Amino acid sequence: MGCGKFIALEGGEGTGKSTQAALLAASLSKRGLTTVTTREPGGTAGAEAIRALLLSPPGEGWGPRAEALLFAAARSDHVERLIKPAVEAGSWVICDRFLDSSRAYQGGAGGLGDDAILALHQIGSNGLRPDLTLLIEVSPVTVAQRLSQRDQGKSDAIGGRDAEYHHNVGLAFGKLAAKEPALFARVNGEGSADQVHTRILAAIEPILSETR
């Protein structure tokens, strides 16, 4: 069986990653491709346990370094037990968040720096990168509207951080995509879910064509 592909969807809170991951998996399945949809932190039993610690932390919560280490540990298990085996078996793995979320959140907005996050990723996951990272970008006004509908006043420990933090996350994502244009496709996330999905299909066409 031929080798599969690994696609990550990235972006700040409320950009529609989960919705688009499901739509993309459905479209690829209709084309006869085997798909696996997963998320970070999570995707395996061990990583889901770490997810609970991260999003509902005990006591006073985690500092930036401990948080980065937990994300790296969850990702390591996810890569070893799910992502790599699935890709090697010929599946297309669609992941809601991956390394670049750690780079933007803990490395950028959290102040740890990109080198620290990349070093942890090299240790934990042998530096694995997606075949393509789809960065979904929307305006702050759209984000606020979507989060109000989605969270209804409730959010997790990371999503509930202040507006300045999330603004810095968005800036960090933009800098990463500008720095590594060959690894990213920047997708306009405004409009209906179907409109964004159409843009995503256009963005992945180059790697889809490799399978024909």
Protein backbone atom coordinates (compact mmCIF):
# COMPACT_ATOMS: atom_id res chain seq x y z
CA MET A 1 0.00 0.00 0.00
CA GLY A 2 1.28 3.46 -0.84
CA CYS A 3 2.33 5.92 1.80
CA GLY A 4 -0.39 8.25 3.03
CA LYS A 5 -0.26 11.96 3.83
CA PHE A 6 -0.33 14.02 7.00
CA ILE A 7 -2.25 17.31 7.02
CA ALA A 8 -2.58 19.60 10.03
CA LEU A 9 -5.11 22.39 10.45
CA GLU A 10 -3.92 25.34 12.48
CA GLY A 11 -5.18 28.69 13.69
CA GLY A 12 -6.28 30.48 16.81
CA GLU A 13 -9.48 29.96 18.75
CA GLY A 14 -12.69 30.02 16.75
CA THR A 15 -11.17 29.75 13.30
CA GLY A 16 -13.18 26.65 12.38
CA LYS A 17 -10.44 24.00 12.42
CA SER A 18 -12.58 21.17 13.79
CA THR A 19 -15.37 21.80 11.30
CA GLN A 20 -12.95 21.96 8.39
CA ALA A 21 -11.09 18.83 9.50
CA ALA A 22 -14.35 16.86 9.38
CA LEU A 23 -15.31 18.29 5.98
CA LEU A 24 -11.88 17.56 4.54
CA ALA A 25 -11.91 13.98 5.78
CA ALA A 26 -15.35 13.45 4.24
CA SER A 27 -14.23 14.85 0.87
CA LEU A 28 -11.10 12.72 0.80
CA SER A 29 -13.11 9.62 1.70
CA LYS A 30 -15.43 10.30 -1.25
CA ARG A 31 -12.34 10.22 -3.46
CA GLY A 32 -11.58 6.71 -2.24
CA LEU A 33 -8.84 7.69 0.22
CA THR A 34 -8.62 6.19 3.69
CA THR A 35 -8.71 8.97 6.28
CA VAL A 36 -8.00 9.26 9.99
CA THR A 37 -9.22 12.35 11.83
CA THR A 38 -7.50 13.22 15.09
CA ARG A 39 -6.67 16.17 17.32
CA GLU A 40 -4.08 17.69 19.62
CA PRO A 41 -3.64 17.45 22.42
CA GLY A 42 -5.18 14.01 22.22
CA GLY A 43 -5.68 11.23 19.71
CA THR A 44 -4.43 8.37 21.89
CA ALA A 45 -5.38 7.24 25.38
CA GLY A 46 -2.22 8.68 26.89
CA ALA A 47 -2.46 11.96 25.00
CA GLU A 48 -6.14 12.36 25.91
CA ALA A 49 -5.21 11.96 29.59
CA ILE A 50 -2.64 14.74 29.20
CA ARG A 51 -5.26 16.84 27.39
CA ALA A 52 -7.45 16.72 30.48
CA LEU A 53 -4.54 17.93 32.61
CA LEU A 54 -3.80 20.78 30.21
CA LEU A 55 -7.32 22.07 29.64
CA SER A 56 -8.56 21.54 33.21
CA PRO A 57 -5.34 21.90 35.20
CA PRO A 58 -5.12 21.05 38.89
CA GLY A 59 -4.36 23.68 41.50
CA GLU A 60 -2.93 26.92 40.13
CA GLY A 61 -2.36 25.46 36.68
CA TRP A 62 0.82 25.02 34.67
CA GLY A 63 3.60 27.46 33.99
CA PRO A 64 4.72 27.96 30.38
CA ARG A 65 7.58 25.43 30.58
CA ALA A 66 5.51 22.70 32.21
CA GLU A 67 2.73 23.34 29.69
CA ALA A 68 5.14 23.02 26.77
CA LEU A 69 6.54 19.78 28.18
CA LEU A 70 3.06 18.31 28.58
CA PHE A 71 2.14 19.20 25.02
CA ALA A 72 5.38 17.65 23.75
CA ALA A 73 4.73 14.46 25.74
CA ALA A 74 1.17 14.17 24.40
CA ARG A 75 2.42 14.77 20.86
CA SER A 76 5.14 12.16 21.19
CA ASP A 77 2.61 9.47 22.09
CA HIS A 78 0.25 10.67 19.38
CA VAL A 79 2.93 10.52 16.69
CA GLU A 80 4.30 7.14 17.74
CA ARG A 81 1.03 5.32 18.29
CA LEU A 82 -1.34 6.90 15.77
CA ILE A 83 0.02 9.35 13.21
CA LYS A 84 3.09 7.54 11.91
CA PRO A 85 1.48 4.06 11.78
CA ALA A 86 -1.57 5.45 9.97
CA VAL A 87 0.46 7.33 7.35
CA GLU A 88 2.73 4.33 6.81
CA ALA A 89 -0.39 2.19 6.27
CA GLY A 90 -1.52 4.53 3.50
CA SER A 91 -4.05 6.70 5.34
CA TRP A 92 -4.47 10.43 5.11
CA VAL A 93 -4.22 11.75 8.65
CA ILE A 94 -6.13 14.99 9.26
CA CYS A 95 -5.08 16.56 12.56
CA ASP A 96 -6.81 19.44 14.35
CA ARG A 97 -3.67 21.26 15.62
CA PHE A 98 -0.10 19.96 15.72
CA LEU A 99 3.38 21.34 16.37
CA ASP A 100 2.69 24.85 15.10
CA SER A 101 0.10 25.40 17.82
CA SER A 102 2.82 24.84 20.41
CA ARG A 103 5.09 27.19 18.49
CA ALA A 104 2.40 29.90 18.40
CA TYR A 105 0.90 29.44 21.87
CA GLN A 106 3.77 28.40 24.14
CA GLY A 107 6.66 29.56 21.98
CA GLY A 108 5.17 32.84 20.76
CA ALA A 109 2.45 34.10 23.09
CA GLY A 110 3.92 32.17 26.04
CA GLY A 111 7.37 33.63 25.52
CA LEU A 112 9.41 30.41 25.42
CA GLY A 113 10.70 31.03 21.90
CA ASP A 114 10.62 28.88 18.80
CA ASP A 115 13.95 27.15 19.38
CA ALA A 116 12.79 25.65 22.68
CA ILE A 117 9.59 24.25 21.18
CA LEU A 118 11.41 22.80 18.16
CA ALA A 119 14.00 21.20 20.46
CA LEU A 120 11.26 19.51 22.48
CA HIS A 121 9.63 18.32 19.26
CA GLN A 122 12.89 16.88 18.00
CA ILE A 123 13.31 14.91 21.22
CA GLY A 124 9.69 13.79 21.52
CA SER A 125 8.66 13.20 17.91
CA ASN A 126 11.89 13.09 15.88
CA GLY A 127 10.98 16.43 14.33
CA LEU A 128 8.02 15.07 12.34
CA ARG A 129 6.27 17.73 10.26
CA PRO A 130 3.02 17.50 8.28
CA ASP A 131 3.08 17.24 4.51
CA LEU A 132 1.03 20.43 4.59
CA THR A 133 -0.22 22.74 7.31
CA LEU A 134 -3.43 24.62 6.57
CA LEU A 135 -3.46 27.88 8.53
CA ILE A 136 -7.04 29.16 8.75
CA GLU A 137 -7.15 32.90 9.33
CA VAL A 138 -10.18 34.99 10.30
CA SER A 139 -10.74 38.49 11.65
CA PRO A 140 -10.93 39.18 15.41
CA VAL A 141 -14.58 40.19 14.97
CA THR A 142 -15.44 36.83 13.42
CA VAL A 143 -13.52 34.99 16.14
CA ALA A 144 -15.45 36.82 18.88
CA GLN A 145 -18.77 35.96 17.24
CA ARG A 146 -17.88 32.29 16.82
CA LEU A 147 -16.53 31.89 20.34
CA SER A 148 -19.63 33.50 21.80
CA GLN A 149 -21.78 30.94 19.99
CA ARG A 150 -19.47 28.01 20.72
CA ASP A 151 -18.48 28.57 24.34
CA GLN A 152 -21.54 30.39 25.74
CA GLY A 153 -19.44 31.93 28.48
CA LYS A 154 -17.43 28.79 29.21
CA SER A 155 -13.96 27.96 27.93
CA ASP A 156 -10.96 25.84 28.86
CA ALA A 157 -7.80 27.02 30.58
CA ILE A 158 -6.07 28.00 27.34
CA GLY A 159 -9.02 29.26 25.33
CA GLY A 160 -10.06 31.45 28.25
CA ARG A 161 -6.88 33.52 28.31
CA ASP A 162 -7.10 37.24 27.69
CA ALA A 163 -7.45 38.99 24.33
CA GLU A 164 -3.82 40.14 24.26
CA TYR A 165 -2.60 36.55 24.59
CA HIS A 166 -4.78 35.39 21.70
CA HIS A 167 -3.78 38.39 19.61
CA ASN A 168 -0.15 37.35 20.11
CA VAL A 169 -1.02 33.80 19.13
CA GLY A 170 -2.42 35.07 15.83
CA LEU A 171 0.67 37.15 15.19
CA ALA A 172 2.89 34.16 15.92
CA PHE A 173 1.01 31.95 13.46
CA GLY A 174 1.39 34.59 10.77
CA LYS A 175 5.13 34.85 11.37
CA LEU A 176 5.55 31.07 11.19
CA ALA A 177 3.68 30.86 7.88
CA ALA A 178 5.69 33.73 6.43
CA LYS A 179 8.93 32.11 7.58
CA GLU A 180 8.15 28.66 6.12
CA PRO A 181 5.90 29.23 3.09
CA ALA A 182 6.65 25.82 1.61
CA LEU A 183 5.11 24.10 4.66
CA PHE A 184 2.01 26.27 5.02
CA ALA A 185 -1.07 27.11 3.00
CA ARG A 186 -2.81 30.20 4.36
CA VAL A 187 -6.58 29.89 4.02
CA ASN A 188 -9.14 32.68 4.31
CA GLY A 189 -11.52 31.42 6.99
CA GLU A 190 -14.24 34.04 6.45
CA GLY A 191 -17.61 33.05 5.05
CA SER A 192 -19.61 29.83 5.29
CA ALA A 193 -18.09 26.48 6.18
CA ASP A 194 -18.63 25.31 2.59
CA GLN A 195 -16.84 28.35 1.18
CA VAL A 196 -13.83 27.75 3.42
CA HIS A 197 -13.88 24.06 2.54
CA THR A 198 -13.67 24.92 -1.15
CA ARG A 199 -10.58 27.03 -0.46
CA ILE A 200 -9.02 24.19 1.50
CA LEU A 201 -9.59 21.72 -1.34
CA ALA A 202 -7.84 24.15 -3.68
CA ALA A 203 -4.94 24.46 -1.21
CA ILE A 204 -4.37 20.70 -0.99
CA GLU A 205 -4.68 20.08 -4.74
CA PRO A 206 -0.89 19.93 -5.24
CA ILE A 207 -0.50 17.01 -2.84
CA LEU A 208 -3.74 15.38 -4.01
CA SER A 209 -2.32 15.32 -7.52
CA GLU A 210 0.67 13.32 -6.23
CA THR A 211 -1.66 10.39 -5.48
CA ARG A 212 -3.17 10.19 -8.97
